[in-house]
């Protein structure tokens, strides 16, 4: 049974699925570089249990960033550092504070570092 929806996503347990394609322009406006997450892509907001009192993994402000990041990592085979760029920009556009955004970007860069 689908969970709460916000037009482009639906919650499935602890994960989410895109219900329509989601696009994000990378770099300067008009640069022509776009990251496009297709409908049906499953993603999550991975937050360690010990950090969930500070970072709610179901905060809607984080969902676009998580979808972009997971798609870049799992489907486009981007490195964690490259995938952190659209992640950070989507968080900024969602109004996530600079300090919180820095902590989240560092976390996605160093998680599973190899």
Protein backbone atom coordinates (compact mmCIF):
# COMPACT_ATOMS: atom_id res chain seq x y z
CA UNK A 1 0.00 0.00 0.00
CA UNK A 2 1.46 3.38 -0.99
CA UNK A 3 2.36 5.86 1.70
CA UNK A 4 2.06 9.65 1.64
CA UNK A 5 2.76 11.22 -1.75
CA UNK A 6 4.02 14.60 -2.86
CA UNK A 7 3.28 14.29 -6.59
CA UNK A 8 6.66 12.95 -7.79
CA UNK A 9 7.29 10.39 -5.03
CA UNK A 10 5.49 7.79 -2.99
CA UNK A 11 6.72 6.25 0.25
CA UNK A 12 7.15 2.46 0.36
CA UNK A 13 8.08 1.48 3.91
CA UNK A 14 11.40 3.16 4.68
CA UNK A 15 12.12 3.80 1.00
CA UNK A 16 10.59 5.95 -1.73
CA UNK A 17 9.76 5.47 -5.40
CA UNK A 18 9.57 8.20 -8.03
CA UNK A 19 6.13 8.33 -9.62
CA UNK A 20 7.26 10.55 -12.48
CA UNK A 21 10.61 11.60 -13.94
CA UNK A 22 12.55 14.15 -11.91
CA UNK A 23 15.11 16.45 -13.54
CA UNK A 24 17.81 18.63 -12.05
CA UNK A 25 20.08 21.02 -13.94
CA UNK A 26 23.70 20.64 -12.91
CA UNK A 27 25.97 23.67 -12.85
CA UNK A 28 25.10 27.05 -14.28
CA UNK A 29 21.60 27.54 -15.66
CA UNK A 30 21.57 26.82 -19.37
CA UNK A 31 24.72 24.66 -19.19
CA UNK A 32 22.78 21.80 -20.73
CA UNK A 33 23.83 19.28 -18.07
CA UNK A 34 20.79 17.57 -16.60
CA UNK A 35 20.39 14.69 -14.23
CA UNK A 36 17.11 12.90 -14.95
CA UNK A 37 15.76 10.31 -12.52
CA UNK A 38 13.14 8.13 -14.25
CA UNK A 39 9.74 7.21 -12.87
CA UNK A 40 9.85 3.99 -10.86
CA UNK A 41 13.31 4.59 -9.36
CA UNK A 42 13.57 3.36 -5.75
CA UNK A 43 15.67 5.46 -3.35
CA UNK A 44 16.07 6.09 0.35
CA UNK A 45 17.44 8.63 2.80
CA UNK A 46 20.07 6.67 4.67
CA UNK A 47 20.63 8.13 8.11
CA UNK A 48 22.47 6.14 10.79
CA UNK A 49 20.23 5.27 13.75
CA UNK A 50 22.35 7.36 16.13
CA UNK A 51 21.81 10.48 13.97
CA UNK A 52 18.06 10.17 13.45
CA UNK A 53 17.28 12.39 16.43
CA UNK A 54 18.88 15.24 14.43
CA UNK A 55 18.18 14.17 10.83
CA UNK A 56 14.72 12.73 10.15
CA UNK A 57 15.14 10.44 7.12
CA UNK A 58 11.57 11.21 6.05
CA UNK A 59 11.93 15.00 6.04
CA UNK A 60 10.49 15.99 2.62
CA UNK A 61 13.27 18.58 2.18
CA UNK A 62 15.77 15.72 1.78
CA UNK A 63 13.90 13.59 -0.75
CA UNK A 64 14.90 15.23 -4.04
CA UNK A 65 18.54 15.32 -2.92
CA UNK A 66 18.40 11.65 -1.96
CA UNK A 67 16.80 10.64 -5.27
CA UNK A 68 19.43 12.53 -7.27
CA UNK A 69 22.28 11.13 -5.17
CA UNK A 70 21.10 7.52 -5.27
CA UNK A 71 20.46 7.64 -9.01
CA UNK A 72 23.89 9.13 -9.72
CA UNK A 73 25.59 6.49 -7.54
CA UNK A 74 23.60 3.38 -8.47
CA UNK A 75 22.58 3.94 -12.08
CA UNK A 76 25.18 6.35 -13.49
CA UNK A 77 28.12 4.92 -11.53
CA UNK A 78 29.26 8.35 -10.32
CA UNK A 79 31.78 8.50 -7.49
CA UNK A 80 30.48 9.62 -4.10
CA UNK A 81 32.15 13.04 -4.36
CA UNK A 82 30.57 13.80 -7.76
CA UNK A 83 27.15 12.63 -6.58
CA UNK A 84 27.44 14.93 -3.56
CA UNK A 85 27.24 18.04 -5.77
CA UNK A 86 23.62 17.73 -6.96
CA UNK A 87 22.77 16.37 -3.48
CA UNK A 88 24.08 19.58 -1.89
CA UNK A 89 22.42 21.86 -4.42
CA UNK A 90 19.03 20.16 -4.01
CA UNK A 91 19.31 20.51 -0.23
CA UNK A 92 20.16 24.20 -0.63
CA UNK A 93 17.19 24.73 -2.94
CA UNK A 94 14.96 23.02 -0.35
CA UNK A 95 16.04 25.52 2.30
CA UNK A 96 18.26 23.21 4.36
CA UNK A 97 20.62 25.29 6.50
CA UNK A 98 24.29 25.59 5.58
CA UNK A 99 25.51 23.72 8.68
CA UNK A 100 23.03 20.86 8.26
CA UNK A 101 23.81 20.67 4.55
CA UNK A 102 27.55 20.49 5.24
CA UNK A 103 27.07 17.64 7.70
CA UNK A 104 24.88 15.74 5.24
CA UNK A 105 27.23 16.27 2.29
CA UNK A 106 30.23 15.10 4.31
CA UNK A 107 28.25 12.06 5.42
CA UNK A 108 27.36 11.00 1.86
CA UNK A 109 30.95 11.52 0.73
CA UNK A 110 32.58 9.45 3.45
CA UNK A 111 29.89 6.74 3.81
CA UNK A 112 31.34 3.50 2.43
CA UNK A 113 34.50 5.34 1.36
CA UNK A 114 36.66 3.22 -0.92
